[in-house]
Every structure is written in structure tokens, then in C-alpha cells.
Amino acid sequence: MANKGYWIGRVDVDDVEAYQAYIDANGAAFAEFGARFIIRGGAFETVEGTSRSRNVVIEFPSYQAALDCYNSPVYQAAKAFRTPVSTADIIIIEGYEDA
């Protein structure tokens, strides 16, 4: 069985109103690839290093699904709304399964 995949995103939003277009558009890609939000905003405290104002963790059924979602035309169209109005650090990482 393949390990789950995750997107870990840290985002500073410059224009909250314009960013809403990204939120509205990304749902189709996430649904297509079986994504589930684990963390979507919420309170946090930076205890080491630096942070951004918004944090997101999205779980996918597999690492490949996480990569495929990001590279899909549907997500890339949504991302076009995010890029001009925010600064983001996003990684896609394979989950750990302890057998």
C-alpha cells in the first residue's frame, strides 16, 4: 500500500478578497485527487524559526496523488489566482507509515 502524500503550505496573503478566488477555484482539484484538509488556518505559535500568517496541511491518498494534483491543469488554473496576491512556501511530502 502506498504511503499518503501531504502538502504543507505556509502562506502570507496580501489581498484577502482576491485570495478568495483561489479558495473558490481549488476545491475541484482537491476533490478530483481525494484531498482532505488536516489543518486549514487556525491558531499557532512560532516557537523556532520563521512563520507565515496562514498554515495548511492537506492529506492525499498517496504521494503520487499529491504530486499529480499540484501539476494538474485544474490546480494550476486555481494557482493562477493565488500567485499574484500571496507569498507561499509549499512542499509535497510522502507520509510515514510505521509497519
PDB file of N, CA and C in Angstrom:
ATOM      1  N   MET A   1       0.845  -1.187   0.000  1.00  0.00           N
ATOM      2  CA  MET A   1       0.000   0.000   0.000  1.00  0.00           C
ATOM      3  C   MET A   1       0.892   1.252   0.000  1.00  0.00           C
ATOM      4  N   ALA A   2       0.574   2.217  -0.825  1.00  0.00           N
ATOM      5  CA  ALA A   2       1.359   3.440  -0.949  1.00  0.00           C
ATOM      6  C   ALA A   2       1.165   4.338   0.269  1.00  0.00           C
ATOM      7  N   ASN A   3       2.244   5.011   0.635  1.00  0.00           N
ATOM      8  CA  ASN A   3       2.155   5.991   1.717  1.00  0.00           C
ATOM      9  C   ASN A   3       1.334   7.186   1.259  1.00  0.00           C
ATOM     10  N   LYS A   4       0.634   7.786   2.212  1.00  0.00           N
ATOM     11  CA  LYS A   4      -0.124   9.000   1.907  1.00  0.00           C
ATOM     12  C   LYS A   4       0.836  10.111   1.530  1.00  0.00           C
ATOM     13  N   GLY A   5       0.306  11.097   0.836  1.00  0.00           N
ATOM     14  CA  GLY A   5       1.071  12.277   0.479  1.00  0.00           C
ATOM     15  C   GLY A   5       0.459  13.491   1.136  1.00  0.00           C
ATOM     16  N   TYR A   6       1.267  14.503   1.367  1.00  0.00           N
ATOM     17  CA  TYR A   6       0.812  15.717   2.051  1.00  0.00           C
ATOM     18  C   TYR A   6       1.364  16.946   1.369  1.00  0.00           C
ATOM     19  N   TRP A   7       0.529  17.967   1.332  1.00  0.00           N
ATOM     20  CA  TRP A   7       1.000  19.307   1.015  1.00  0.00           C
ATOM     21  C   TRP A   7       1.121  20.027   2.353  1.00  0.00           C
ATOM     22  N   ILE A   8       2.249  20.669   2.558  1.00  0.00           N
ATOM     23  CA  ILE A   8       2.414  21.544   3.712  1.00  0.00           C
ATOM     24  C   ILE A   8       2.644  22.943   3.148  1.00  0.00           C
ATOM     25  N   GLY A   9       1.727  23.832   3.458  1.00  0.00           N
ATOM     26  CA  GLY A   9       1.796  25.182   2.922  1.00  0.00           C
ATOM     27  C   GLY A   9       1.838  26.218   4.023  1.00  0.00           C
ATOM     28  N   ARG A  10       2.680  27.213   3.814  1.00  0.00           N
ATOM     29  CA  ARG A  10       2.754  28.386   4.688  1.00  0.00           C
ATOM     30  C   ARG A  10       2.583  29.582   3.765  1.00  0.00           C
ATOM     31  N   VAL A  11       1.604  30.422   4.071  1.00  0.00           N
ATOM     32  CA  VAL A  11       1.220  31.476   3.125  1.00  0.00           C
ATOM     33  C   VAL A  11       1.019  32.808   3.831  1.00  0.00           C
ATOM     34  N   ASP A  12       1.520  33.869   3.227  1.00  0.00           N
ATOM     35  CA  ASP A  12       1.172  35.239   3.604  1.00  0.00           C
ATOM     36  C   ASP A  12       0.274  35.774   2.497  1.00  0.00           C
ATOM     37  N   VAL A  13      -0.895  36.228   2.864  1.00  0.00           N
ATOM     38  CA  VAL A  13      -1.870  36.727   1.896  1.00  0.00           C
ATOM     39  C   VAL A  13      -1.824  38.249   1.892  1.00  0.00           C
ATOM     40  N   ASP A  14      -1.612  38.823   0.722  1.00  0.00           N
ATOM     41  CA  ASP A  14      -1.544  40.274   0.576  1.00  0.00           C
ATOM     42  C   ASP A  14      -2.905  40.910   0.307  1.00  0.00           C
ATOM     43  N   ASP A  15      -3.806  40.161  -0.316  1.00  0.00           N
ATOM     44  CA  ASP A  15      -5.125  40.675  -0.664  1.00  0.00           C
ATOM     45  C   ASP A  15      -6.147  39.575  -0.375  1.00  0.00           C
ATOM     46  N   VAL A  16      -6.763  39.643   0.799  1.00  0.00           N
ATOM     47  CA  VAL A  16      -7.679  38.592   1.253  1.00  0.00           C
ATOM     48  C   VAL A  16      -8.865  38.438   0.304  1.00  0.00           C
ATOM     49  N   GLU A  17      -9.385  39.532  -0.175  1.00  0.00           N
ATOM     50  CA  GLU A  17     -10.540  39.472  -1.070  1.00  0.00           C
ATOM     51  C   GLU A  17     -10.181  38.757  -2.381  1.00  0.00           C
ATOM     52  N   ALA A  18      -9.061  39.097  -2.973  1.00  0.00           N
ATOM     53  CA  ALA A  18      -8.634  38.452  -4.222  1.00  0.00           C
ATOM     54  C   ALA A  18      -8.238  36.994  -3.985  1.00  0.00           C
ATOM     55  N   TYR A  19      -7.689  36.688  -2.821  1.00  0.00           N
ATOM     56  CA  TYR A  19      -7.286  35.319  -2.478  1.00  0.00           C
ATOM     57  C   TYR A  19      -8.495  34.380  -2.436  1.00  0.00           C
ATOM     58  N   GLN A  20      -9.651  34.922  -2.140  1.00  0.00           N
ATOM     59  CA  GLN A  20     -10.877  34.115  -2.095  1.00  0.00           C
ATOM     60  C   GLN A  20     -11.143  33.425  -3.432  1.00  0.00           C
ATOM     61  N   ALA A  21     -10.746  34.045  -4.537  1.00  0.00           N
ATOM     62  CA  ALA A  21     -10.921  33.419  -5.851  1.00  0.00           C
ATOM     63  C   ALA A  21     -10.117  32.120  -5.935  1.00  0.00           C
ATOM     64  N   TYR A  22      -8.932  32.107  -5.337  1.00  0.00           N
ATOM     65  CA  TYR A  22      -8.118  30.878  -5.282  1.00  0.00           C
ATOM     66  C   TYR A  22      -8.825  29.806  -4.458  1.00  0.00           C
ATOM     67  N   ILE A  23      -9.333  30.185  -3.295  1.00  0.00           N
ATOM     68  CA  ILE A  23     -10.036  29.234  -2.432  1.00  0.00           C
ATOM     69  C   ILE A  23     -11.243  28.647  -3.165  1.00  0.00           C
ATOM     70  N   ASP A  24     -11.982  29.499  -3.856  1.00  0.00           N
ATOM     71  CA  ASP A  24     -13.158  29.040  -4.593  1.00  0.00           C
ATOM     72  C   ASP A  24     -12.783  28.089  -5.731  1.00  0.00           C
ATOM     73  N   ALA A  25     -11.623  28.303  -6.344  1.00  0.00           N
ATOM     74  CA  ALA A  25     -11.230  27.524  -7.517  1.00  0.00           C
ATOM     75  C   ALA A  25     -10.498  26.222  -7.191  1.00  0.00           C
ATOM     76  N   ASN A  26      -9.847  26.132  -6.032  1.00  0.00           N
ATOM     77  CA  ASN A  26      -9.010  24.958  -5.786  1.00  0.00           C
ATOM     78  C   ASN A  26      -9.780  23.705  -5.380  1.00  0.00           C
ATOM     79  N   GLY A  27     -11.011  23.841  -4.967  1.00  0.00           N
ATOM     80  CA  GLY A  27     -11.798  22.701  -4.500  1.00  0.00           C
ATOM     81  C   GLY A  27     -11.976  21.601  -5.533  1.00  0.00           C
ATOM     82  N   ALA A  28     -12.110  21.955  -6.792  1.00  0.00           N
ATOM     83  CA  ALA A  28     -12.304  20.945  -7.841  1.00  0.00           C
ATOM     84  C   ALA A  28     -11.083  20.032  -7.947  1.00  0.00           C
ATOM     85  N   ALA A  29      -9.894  20.607  -7.904  1.00  0.00           N
ATOM     86  CA  ALA A  29      -8.672  19.795  -7.973  1.00  0.00           C
ATOM     87  C   ALA A  29      -8.543  18.913  -6.740  1.00  0.00           C
ATOM     88  N   PHE A  30      -8.812  19.475  -5.571  1.00  0.00           N
ATOM     89  CA  PHE A  30      -8.690  18.694  -4.342  1.00  0.00           C
ATOM     90  C   PHE A  30      -9.680  17.536  -4.334  1.00  0.00           C
ATOM     91  N   ALA A  31     -10.887  17.759  -4.799  1.00  0.00           N
ATOM     92  CA  ALA A  31     -11.884  16.680  -4.858  1.00  0.00           C
ATOM     93  C   ALA A  31     -11.446  15.604  -5.841  1.00  0.00           C
ATOM     94  N   GLU A  32     -10.943  16.008  -6.986  1.00  0.00           N
ATOM     95  CA  GLU A  32     -10.527  15.051  -8.016  1.00  0.00           C
ATOM     96  C   GLU A  32      -9.432  14.110  -7.516  1.00  0.00           C
ATOM     97  N   PHE A  33      -8.541  14.610  -6.660  1.00  0.00           N
ATOM     98  CA  PHE A  33      -7.401  13.814  -6.216  1.00  0.00           C
ATOM     99  C   PHE A  33      -7.550  13.288  -4.786  1.00  0.00           C
ATOM    100  N   GLY A  34      -8.752  13.369  -4.238  1.00  0.00           N
ATOM    101  CA  GLY A  34      -9.027  12.764  -2.936  1.00  0.00           C
ATOM    102  C   GLY A  34      -8.401  13.475  -1.756  1.00  0.00           C
ATOM    103  N   ALA A  35      -8.230  14.781  -1.840  1.00  0.00           N
ATOM    104  CA  ALA A  35      -7.586  15.554  -0.780  1.00  0.00           C
ATOM    105  C   ALA A  35      -8.509  15.750   0.414  1.00  0.00           C
ATOM    106  N   ARG A  36      -7.869  15.862   1.579  1.00  0.00           N
ATOM    107  CA  ARG A  36      -8.595  16.139   2.823  1.00  0.00           C
ATOM    108  C   ARG A  36      -7.753  17.117   3.638  1.00  0.00           C
ATOM    109  N   PHE A  37      -8.374  18.226   4.041  1.00  0.00           N
ATOM    110  CA  PHE A  37      -7.662  19.206   4.855  1.00  0.00           C
ATOM    111  C   PHE A  37      -7.473  18.657   6.269  1.00  0.00           C
ATOM    112  N   ILE A  38      -6.236  18.676   6.734  1.00  0.00           N
ATOM    113  CA  ILE A  38      -5.893  18.318   8.108  1.00  0.00           C
ATOM    114  C   ILE A  38      -5.799  19.598   8.941  1.00  0.00           C
ATOM    115  N   ILE A  39      -5.141  20.595   8.370  1.00  0.00           N
ATOM    116  CA  ILE A  39      -5.003  21.912   9.001  1.00  0.00           C
ATOM    117  C   ILE A  39      -5.341  22.949   7.943  1.00  0.00           C
ATOM    118  N   ARG A  40      -6.185  23.894   8.317  1.00  0.00           N
ATOM    119  CA  ARG A  40      -6.549  24.975   7.394  1.00  0.00           C
ATOM    120  C   ARG A  40      -6.685  26.236   8.213  1.00  0.00           C
ATOM    121  N   GLY A  41      -5.567  26.936   8.382  1.00  0.00           N
ATOM    122  CA  GLY A  41      -5.561  28.125   9.230  1.00  0.00           C
ATOM    123  C   GLY A  41      -5.478  27.712  10.682  1.00  0.00           C
ATOM    124  N   GLY A  42      -6.102  28.448  11.542  1.00  0.00           N
ATOM    125  CA  GLY A  42      -6.114  28.119  12.964  1.00  0.00           C
ATOM    126  C   GLY A  42      -5.006  28.807  13.740  1.00  0.00           C
ATOM    127  N   ALA A  43      -5.175  28.780  15.039  1.00  0.00           N
ATOM    128  CA  ALA A  43      -4.202  29.413  15.941  1.00  0.00           C
ATOM    129  C   ALA A  43      -2.885  28.649  15.892  1.00  0.00           C
ATOM    130  N   PHE A  44      -1.778  29.373  16.001  1.00  0.00           N
ATOM    131  CA  PHE A  44      -0.460  28.746  16.064  1.00  0.00           C
ATOM    132  C   PHE A  44       0.505  29.683  16.781  1.00  0.00           C
ATOM    133  N   GLU A  45       1.601  29.123  17.208  1.00  0.00           N
ATOM    134  CA  GLU A  45       2.667  29.898  17.843  1.00  0.00           C
ATOM    135  C   GLU A  45       3.981  29.468  17.228  1.00  0.00           C
ATOM    136  N   THR A  46       4.757  30.407  16.752  1.00  0.00           N
ATOM    137  CA  THR A  46       6.068  30.107  16.199  1.00  0.00           C
ATOM    138  C   THR A  46       7.042  29.973  17.356  1.00  0.00           C
ATOM    139  N   VAL A  47       7.549  28.786  17.559  1.00  0.00           N
ATOM    140  CA  VAL A  47       8.459  28.544  18.686  1.00  0.00           C
ATOM    141  C   VAL A  47       9.919  28.462  18.243  1.00  0.00           C
ATOM    142  N   GLU A  48      10.158  28.285  16.952  1.00  0.00           N
ATOM    143  CA  GLU A  48      11.509  28.326  16.381  1.00  0.00           C
ATOM    144  C   GLU A  48      11.407  28.765  14.936  1.00  0.00           C
ATOM    145  N   GLY A  49      12.417  29.439  14.439  1.00  0.00           N
ATOM    146  CA  GLY A  49      12.451  29.819  13.034  1.00  0.00           C
ATOM    147  C   GLY A  49      11.470  30.919  12.694  1.00  0.00           C
ATOM    148  N   THR A  50      11.043  30.914  11.446  1.00  0.00           N
ATOM    149  CA  THR A  50      10.127  31.942  10.952  1.00  0.00           C
ATOM    150  C   THR A  50       8.790  31.304  10.590  1.00  0.00           C
ATOM    151  N   SER A  51       7.798  32.129  10.391  1.00  0.00           N
ATOM    152  CA  SER A  51       6.478  31.614  10.029  1.00  0.00           C
ATOM    153  C   SER A  51       5.831  32.558   9.033  1.00  0.00           C
ATOM    154  N   ARG A  52       4.704  32.102   8.528  1.00  0.00           N
ATOM    155  CA  ARG A  52       3.841  32.928   7.697  1.00  0.00           C
ATOM    156  C   ARG A  52       2.493  32.990   8.395  1.00  0.00           C
ATOM    157  N   SER A  53       1.604  33.819   7.921  1.00  0.00           N
ATOM    158  CA  SER A  53       0.351  34.072   8.637  1.00  0.00           C
ATOM    159  C   SER A  53      -0.679  32.958   8.505  1.00  0.00           C
ATOM    160  N   ARG A  54      -0.548  32.101   7.489  1.00  0.00           N
ATOM    161  CA  ARG A  54      -1.543  31.048   7.252  1.00  0.00           C
ATOM    162  C   ARG A  54      -0.800  29.732   7.029  1.00  0.00           C
ATOM    163  N   ASN A  55      -1.284  28.664   7.657  1.00  0.00           N
ATOM    164  CA  ASN A  55      -0.678  27.344   7.545  1.00  0.00           C
ATOM    165  C   ASN A  55      -1.735  26.335   7.120  1.00  0.00           C
ATOM    166  N   VAL A  56      -1.334  25.432   6.215  1.00  0.00           N
ATOM    167  CA  VAL A  56      -2.264  24.437   5.689  1.00  0.00           C
ATOM    168  C   VAL A  56      -1.539  23.101   5.557  1.00  0.00           C
ATOM    169  N   VAL A  57      -2.214  22.025   5.959  1.00  0.00           N
ATOM    170  CA  VAL A  57      -1.743  20.665   5.687  1.00  0.00           C
ATOM    171  C   VAL A  57      -2.897  19.939   5.013  1.00  0.00           C
ATOM    172  N   ILE A  58      -2.610  19.390   3.835  1.00  0.00           N
ATOM    173  CA  ILE A  58      -3.626  18.679   3.061  1.00  0.00           C
ATOM    174  C   ILE A  58      -3.137  17.254   2.840  1.00  0.00           C
ATOM    175  N   GLU A  59      -3.990  16.289   3.157  1.00  0.00           N
ATOM    176  CA  GLU A  59      -3.641  14.873   3.016  1.00  0.00           C
ATOM    177  C   GLU A  59      -4.223  14.320   1.716  1.00  0.00           C
ATOM    178  N   PHE A  60      -3.436  13.501   1.036  1.00  0.00           N
ATOM    179  CA  PHE A  60      -3.849  12.825  -0.193  1.00  0.00           C
ATOM    180  C   PHE A  60      -3.709  11.321   0.002  1.00  0.00           C
ATOM    181  N   PRO A  61      -4.429  10.527  -0.765  1.00  0.00           N
ATOM    182  CA  PRO A  61      -4.362   9.074  -0.614  1.00  0.00           C
ATOM    183  C   PRO A  61      -2.967   8.496  -0.866  1.00  0.00           C
ATOM    184  N   SER A  62      -2.154   9.212  -1.651  1.00  0.00           N
ATOM    185  CA  SER A  62      -0.792   8.759  -1.939  1.00  0.00           C
ATOM    186  C   SER A  62       0.088   9.967  -2.250  1.00  0.00           C
ATOM    187  N   TYR A  63       1.386   9.748  -2.175  1.00  0.00           N
ATOM    188  CA  TYR A  63       2.350  10.774  -2.550  1.00  0.00           C
ATOM    189  C   TYR A  63       2.153  11.155  -4.017  1.00  0.00           C
ATOM    190  N   GLN A  64       1.946  10.152  -4.870  1.00  0.00           N
ATOM    191  CA  GLN A  64       1.748  10.416  -6.296  1.00  0.00           C
ATOM    192  C   GLN A  64       0.506  11.261  -6.534  1.00  0.00           C
ATOM    193  N   ALA A  65      -0.570  10.989  -5.807  1.00  0.00           N
ATOM    194  CA  ALA A  65      -1.788  11.794  -5.954  1.00  0.00           C
ATOM    195  C   ALA A  65      -1.524  13.251  -5.569  1.00  0.00           C
ATOM    196  N   ALA A  66      -0.712  13.456  -4.537  1.00  0.00           N
ATOM    197  CA  ALA A  66      -0.371  14.819  -4.117  1.00  0.00           C
ATOM    198  C   ALA A  66       0.401  15.543  -5.209  1.00  0.00           C
ATOM    199  N   LEU A  67       1.365  14.854  -5.814  1.00  0.00           N
ATOM    200  CA  LEU A  67       2.130  15.449  -6.915  1.00  0.00           C
ATOM    201  C   LEU A  67       1.238  15.703  -8.123  1.00  0.00           C
ATOM    202  N   ASP A  68       0.408  14.709  -8.454  1.00  0.00           N
ATOM    203  CA  ASP A  68      -0.459  14.837  -9.627  1.00  0.00           C
ATOM    204  C   ASP A  68      -1.453  15.983  -9.466  1.00  0.00           C
ATOM    205  N   CYS A  69      -1.963  16.165  -8.269  1.00  0.00           N
ATOM    206  CA  CYS A  69      -2.890  17.265  -8.029  1.00  0.00           C
ATOM    207  C   CYS A  69      -2.207  18.598  -8.291  1.00  0.00           C
ATOM    208  N   TYR A  70      -1.028  18.793  -7.709  1.00  0.00           N
ATOM    209  CA  TYR A  70      -0.319  20.061  -7.885  1.00  0.00           C
ATOM    210  C   TYR A  70      -0.050  20.348  -9.362  1.00  0.00           C
ATOM    211  N   ASN A  71       0.327  19.329 -10.093  1.00  0.00           N
ATOM    212  CA  ASN A  71       0.692  19.500 -11.503  1.00  0.00           C
ATOM    213  C   ASN A  71      -0.490  19.470 -12.463  1.00  0.00           C
ATOM    214  N   SER A  72      -1.684  19.225 -11.952  1.00  0.00           N
ATOM    215  CA  SER A  72      -2.859  19.126 -12.816  1.00  0.00           C
ATOM    216  C   SER A  72      -3.243  20.489 -13.393  1.00  0.00           C
ATOM    217  N   PRO A  73      -3.817  20.491 -14.584  1.00  0.00           N
ATOM    218  CA  PRO A  73      -4.290  21.747 -15.163  1.00  0.00           C
ATOM    219  C   PRO A  73      -5.339  22.441 -14.286  1.00  0.00           C
ATOM    220  N   VAL A  74      -6.167  21.655 -13.615  1.00  0.00           N
ATOM    221  CA  VAL A  74      -7.210  22.236 -12.765  1.00  0.00           C
ATOM    222  C   VAL A  74      -6.584  23.013 -11.610  1.00  0.00           C
ATOM    223  N   TYR A  75      -5.575  22.415 -10.935  1.00  0.00           N
ATOM    224  CA  TYR A  75      -4.946  23.137  -9.825  1.00  0.00           C
ATOM    225  C   TYR A  75      -4.119  24.318 -10.337  1.00  0.00           C
ATOM    226  N   GLN A  76      -3.418  24.142 -11.427  1.00  0.00           N
ATOM    227  CA  GLN A  76      -2.597  25.235 -11.951  1.00  0.00           C
ATOM    228  C   GLN A  76      -3.463  26.444 -12.328  1.00  0.00           C
ATOM    229  N   ALA A  77      -4.676  26.189 -12.799  1.00  0.00           N
ATOM    230  CA  ALA A  77      -5.600  27.297 -13.087  1.00  0.00           C
ATOM    231  C   ALA A  77      -6.000  28.007 -11.794  1.00  0.00           C
ATOM    232  N   ALA A  78      -6.229  27.241 -10.729  1.00  0.00           N
ATOM    233  CA  ALA A  78      -6.558  27.844  -9.427  1.00  0.00           C
ATOM    234  C   ALA A  78      -5.361  28.616  -8.889  1.00  0.00           C
ATOM    235  N   LYS A  79      -4.175  28.035  -9.000  1.00  0.00           N
ATOM    236  CA  LYS A  79      -2.947  28.661  -8.503  1.00  0.00           C
ATOM    237  C   LYS A  79      -2.715  30.033  -9.136  1.00  0.00           C
ATOM    238  N   ALA A  80      -3.168  30.207 -10.353  1.00  0.00           N
ATOM    239  CA  ALA A  80      -3.007  31.497 -11.029  1.00  0.00           C
ATOM    240  C   ALA A  80      -3.708  32.621 -10.274  1.00  0.00           C
ATOM    241  N   PHE A  81      -4.737  32.302  -9.501  1.00  0.00           N
ATOM    242  CA  PHE A  81      -5.398  33.307  -8.662  1.00  0.00           C
ATOM    243  C   PHE A  81      -4.576  33.613  -7.404  1.00  0.00           C
ATOM    244  N   ARG A  82      -3.851  32.615  -6.887  1.00  0.00           N
ATOM    245  CA  ARG A  82      -3.100  32.767  -5.642  1.00  0.00           C
ATOM    246  C   ARG A  82      -1.800  33.523  -5.827  1.00  0.00           C
ATOM    247  N   THR A  83      -1.075  33.204  -6.869  1.00  0.00           N
ATOM    248  CA  THR A  83       0.286  33.706  -7.042  1.00  0.00           C
ATOM    249  C   THR A  83       0.414  35.228  -6.977  1.00  0.00           C
ATOM    250  N   PRO A  84      -0.439  36.003  -7.642  1.00  0.00           N
ATOM    251  CA  PRO A  84      -0.227  37.457  -7.609  1.00  0.00           C
ATOM    252  C   PRO A  84      -0.597  38.126  -6.285  1.00  0.00           C
ATOM    253  N   VAL A  85      -1.317  37.428  -5.411  1.00  0.00           N
ATOM    254  CA  VAL A  85      -1.818  38.080  -4.197  1.00  0.00           C
ATOM    255  C   VAL A  85      -1.304  37.435  -2.906  1.00  0.00           C
ATOM    256  N   SER A  86      -0.272  36.578  -3.035  1.00  0.00           N
ATOM    257  CA  SER A  86       0.256  35.933  -1.833  1.00  0.00           C
ATOM    258  C   SER A  86       1.692  35.487  -2.061  1.00  0.00           C
ATOM    259  N   THR A  87       2.362  35.176  -0.958  1.00  0.00           N
ATOM    260  CA  THR A  87       3.691  34.579  -0.977  1.00  0.00           C
ATOM    261  C   THR A  87       3.575  33.261  -0.247  1.00  0.00           C
ATOM    262  N   ALA A  88       4.030  32.186  -0.870  1.00  0.00           N
ATOM    263  CA  ALA A  88       3.817  30.867  -0.283  1.00  0.00           C
ATOM    264  C   ALA A  88       5.075  30.019  -0.303  1.00  0.00           C
ATOM    265  N   ASP A  89       5.200  29.179   0.709  1.00  0.00           N
ATOM    266  CA  ASP A  89       6.163  28.084   0.752  1.00  0.00           C
ATOM    267  C   ASP A  89       5.312  26.823   0.781  1.00  0.00           C
ATOM    268  N   ILE A  90       5.452  25.972  -0.223  1.00  0.00           N
ATOM    269  CA  ILE A  90       4.654  24.752  -0.291  1.00  0.00           C
ATOM    270  C   ILE A  90       5.596  23.593  -0.571  1.00  0.00           C
ATOM    271  N   ILE A  91       5.484  22.545   0.241  1.00  0.00           N
ATOM    272  CA  ILE A  91       6.218  21.327  -0.048  1.00  0.00           C
ATOM    273  C   ILE A  91       5.218  20.194  -0.197  1.00  0.00           C
ATOM    274  N   ILE A  92       5.600  19.212  -0.979  1.00  0.00           N
ATOM    275  CA  ILE A  92       4.820  17.985  -1.102  1.00  0.00           C
ATOM    276  C   ILE A  92       5.709  16.882  -0.547  1.00  0.00           C
ATOM    277  N   ILE A  93       5.179  16.160   0.413  1.00  0.00           N
ATOM    278  CA  ILE A  93       6.000  15.202   1.155  1.00  0.00           C
ATOM    279  C   ILE A  93       5.266  13.866   1.307  1.00  0.00           C
ATOM    280  N   GLU A  94       6.044  12.800   1.288  1.00  0.00           N
ATOM    281  CA  GLU A  94       5.495  11.466   1.478  1.00  0.00           C
ATOM    282  C   GLU A  94       5.311  11.201   2.968  1.00  0.00           C
ATOM    283  N   GLY A  95       4.169  10.652   3.324  1.00  0.00           N
ATOM    284  CA  GLY A  95       3.885  10.327   4.723  1.00  0.00           C
ATOM    285  C   GLY A  95       4.675   9.119   5.185  1.00  0.00           C
ATOM    286  N   TYR A  96       4.707   8.925   6.464  1.00  0.00           N
ATOM    287  CA  TYR A  96       5.424   7.825   7.094  1.00  0.00           C
ATOM    288  C   TYR A  96       4.425   6.816   7.606  1.00  0.00           C
ATOM    289  N   GLU A  97       4.620   5.582   7.246  1.00  0.00           N
ATOM    290  CA  GLU A  97       3.766   4.502   7.719  1.00  0.00           C
ATOM    291  C   GLU A  97       4.625   3.570   8.551  1.00  0.00           C
ATOM    292  N   ASP A  98       4.353   3.477   9.825  1.00  0.00           N
ATOM    293  CA  ASP A  98       5.097   2.597  10.726  1.00  0.00           C
ATOM    294  C   ASP A  98       4.430   1.221  10.706  1.00  0.00           C
ATOM    295  N   ALA A  99       5.084   0.260  10.054  1.00  0.00           N
ATOM    296  CA  ALA A  99       4.506  -1.081   9.887  1.00  0.00           C
ATOM    297  C   ALA A  99       4.413  -1.859  11.156  1.00  0.00           C
TER     298      ALA A  99
END
